[in-house]
Amino acid sequence: MRGVSLRLNAGVPATEVAEEAGHSVKVLLDIYAKCIDGQKATTHRRIDSALGD
């Protein structure tokens, strides 16, 4: 599968990307965790939204 890092950086859940790539989540993150960048702010916004803040 092409675009694994693109999908991860776009916020696609690692479980979904791993399935599409034919990897376990562990293998996917062992390989691609270093390329996930700048998602902290997005993650916090999603959590706040889910909590109704």
N, C-alpha and C. Protein backbone atom coordinates (compact mmCIF):
# COMPACT_ATOMS: atom_id res chain seq x y z
N MET A 1 0.85 -1.18 0.00
CA MET A 1 0.00 0.00 0.00
C MET A 1 0.89 1.24 0.00
N ARG A 2 0.56 2.17 -0.81
CA ARG A 2 1.28 3.43 -0.86
C ARG A 2 0.60 4.45 0.03
N GLY A 3 1.39 5.37 0.53
CA GLY A 3 0.83 6.48 1.29
C GLY A 3 0.55 6.19 2.75
N VAL A 4 1.27 5.25 3.34
CA VAL A 4 1.05 4.94 4.75
C VAL A 4 1.30 6.18 5.60
N SER A 5 2.45 6.82 5.41
CA SER A 5 2.76 8.01 6.22
C SER A 5 1.78 9.13 5.96
N LEU A 6 1.33 9.27 4.72
CA LEU A 6 0.34 10.29 4.39
C LEU A 6 -0.96 10.03 5.16
N ARG A 7 -1.40 8.79 5.17
CA ARG A 7 -2.64 8.45 5.89
C ARG A 7 -2.50 8.70 7.38
N LEU A 8 -1.37 8.29 7.95
CA LEU A 8 -1.16 8.51 9.39
C LEU A 8 -1.15 10.00 9.71
N ASN A 9 -0.46 10.79 8.91
CA ASN A 9 -0.39 12.23 9.16
C ASN A 9 -1.72 12.92 8.89
N ALA A 10 -2.59 12.31 8.10
CA ALA A 10 -3.92 12.87 7.85
C ALA A 10 -4.88 12.54 8.98
N GLY A 11 -4.42 11.71 9.93
CA GLY A 11 -5.26 11.39 11.08
C GLY A 11 -6.06 10.12 10.95
N VAL A 12 -5.80 9.34 9.91
CA VAL A 12 -6.48 8.05 9.79
C VAL A 12 -5.99 7.17 10.94
N PRO A 13 -6.90 6.53 11.66
CA PRO A 13 -6.49 5.70 12.80
C PRO A 13 -5.48 4.63 12.38
N ALA A 14 -4.49 4.42 13.25
CA ALA A 14 -3.44 3.44 12.98
C ALA A 14 -4.01 2.05 12.73
N THR A 15 -5.09 1.71 13.41
CA THR A 15 -5.69 0.39 13.22
C THR A 15 -6.18 0.22 11.79
N GLU A 16 -6.78 1.27 11.25
CA GLU A 16 -7.29 1.22 9.88
C GLU A 16 -6.14 1.18 8.86
N VAL A 17 -5.13 2.01 9.08
CA VAL A 17 -3.98 2.03 8.17
C VAL A 17 -3.27 0.67 8.20
N ALA A 18 -3.09 0.12 9.38
CA ALA A 18 -2.42 -1.18 9.51
C ALA A 18 -3.18 -2.26 8.74
N GLU A 19 -4.48 -2.27 8.87
CA GLU A 19 -5.29 -3.26 8.17
C GLU A 19 -5.14 -3.11 6.65
N GLU A 20 -5.21 -1.88 6.18
CA GLU A 20 -5.08 -1.63 4.74
C GLU A 20 -3.69 -2.00 4.22
N ALA A 21 -2.67 -1.81 5.08
CA ALA A 21 -1.29 -2.08 4.68
C ALA A 21 -0.90 -3.54 4.87
N GLY A 22 -1.76 -4.30 5.55
CA GLY A 22 -1.45 -5.71 5.80
C GLY A 22 -0.45 -5.91 6.91
N HIS A 23 -0.40 -4.96 7.86
CA HIS A 23 0.51 -5.04 9.01
C HIS A 23 -0.31 -5.14 10.28
N SER A 24 0.36 -5.56 11.36
CA SER A 24 -0.23 -5.38 12.68
C SER A 24 0.01 -3.92 13.07
N VAL A 25 -0.73 -3.44 14.04
CA VAL A 25 -0.53 -2.06 14.50
C VAL A 25 0.88 -1.90 15.05
N LYS A 26 1.37 -2.90 15.77
CA LYS A 26 2.73 -2.84 16.32
C LYS A 26 3.76 -2.67 15.21
N VAL A 27 3.67 -3.48 14.18
CA VAL A 27 4.63 -3.39 13.07
C VAL A 27 4.50 -2.02 12.40
N LEU A 28 3.27 -1.60 12.15
CA LEU A 28 3.06 -0.30 11.51
C LEU A 28 3.72 0.82 12.30
N LEU A 29 3.48 0.86 13.61
CA LEU A 29 4.02 1.94 14.42
C LEU A 29 5.52 1.80 14.63
N ASP A 30 6.03 0.57 14.67
CA ASP A 30 7.49 0.38 14.75
C ASP A 30 8.17 1.01 13.55
N ILE A 31 7.53 0.90 12.40
CA ILE A 31 8.12 1.41 11.16
C ILE A 31 7.82 2.89 10.95
N TYR A 32 6.59 3.31 11.21
CA TYR A 32 6.14 4.64 10.79
C TYR A 32 5.93 5.65 11.91
N ALA A 33 6.12 5.27 13.16
CA ALA A 33 5.85 6.21 14.26
C ALA A 33 6.67 7.49 14.12
N LYS A 34 7.88 7.38 13.60
CA LYS A 34 8.74 8.56 13.48
C LYS A 34 8.21 9.59 12.47
N CYS A 35 7.32 9.17 11.59
CA CYS A 35 6.84 10.11 10.58
C CYS A 35 5.51 10.75 10.97
N ILE A 36 4.94 10.35 12.09
CA ILE A 36 3.70 10.98 12.56
C ILE A 36 4.11 12.27 13.26
N ASP A 37 3.72 13.38 12.69
CA ASP A 37 4.22 14.66 13.17
C ASP A 37 3.10 15.66 13.31
N GLY A 38 3.15 16.44 14.38
CA GLY A 38 2.25 17.57 14.53
C GLY A 38 0.80 17.22 14.80
N GLN A 39 0.54 16.09 15.43
CA GLN A 39 -0.85 15.70 15.64
C GLN A 39 -1.35 15.99 17.05
N LYS A 40 -0.50 16.51 17.91
CA LYS A 40 -0.90 16.74 19.29
C LYS A 40 -2.08 17.72 19.38
N ALA A 41 -1.99 18.82 18.67
CA ALA A 41 -3.07 19.83 18.72
C ALA A 41 -4.38 19.26 18.18
N THR A 42 -4.29 18.51 17.09
CA THR A 42 -5.49 17.90 16.50
C THR A 42 -6.11 16.90 17.47
N THR A 43 -5.27 16.11 18.10
CA THR A 43 -5.75 15.12 19.06
C THR A 43 -6.46 15.79 20.22
N HIS A 44 -5.87 16.85 20.74
CA HIS A 44 -6.49 17.56 21.87
C HIS A 44 -7.82 18.20 21.47
N ARG A 45 -7.90 18.73 20.26
CA ARG A 45 -9.17 19.30 19.79
C ARG A 45 -10.25 18.21 19.69
N ARG A 46 -9.87 17.04 19.19
CA ARG A 46 -10.84 15.94 19.08
C ARG A 46 -11.32 15.48 20.46
N ILE A 47 -10.41 15.41 21.41
CA ILE A 47 -10.78 15.01 22.78
C ILE A 47 -11.72 16.05 23.37
N ASP A 48 -11.36 17.32 23.25
CA ASP A 48 -12.21 18.39 23.76
C ASP A 48 -13.60 18.34 23.13
N SER A 49 -13.65 18.12 21.84
CA SER A 49 -14.93 18.03 21.13
C SER A 49 -15.76 16.86 21.63
N ALA A 50 -15.10 15.71 21.83
CA ALA A 50 -15.81 14.53 22.30
C ALA A 50 -16.36 14.74 23.71
N LEU A 51 -15.66 15.55 24.49
CA LEU A 51 -16.09 15.84 25.87
C LEU A 51 -17.10 16.98 25.95
N GLY A 52 -17.34 17.60 24.79
CA GLY A 52 -18.31 18.69 24.74
C GLY A 52 -17.75 20.03 25.18
N ASP A 53 -16.44 20.16 25.20
CA ASP A 53 -15.79 21.42 25.61
C ASP A 53 -15.66 22.36 24.44
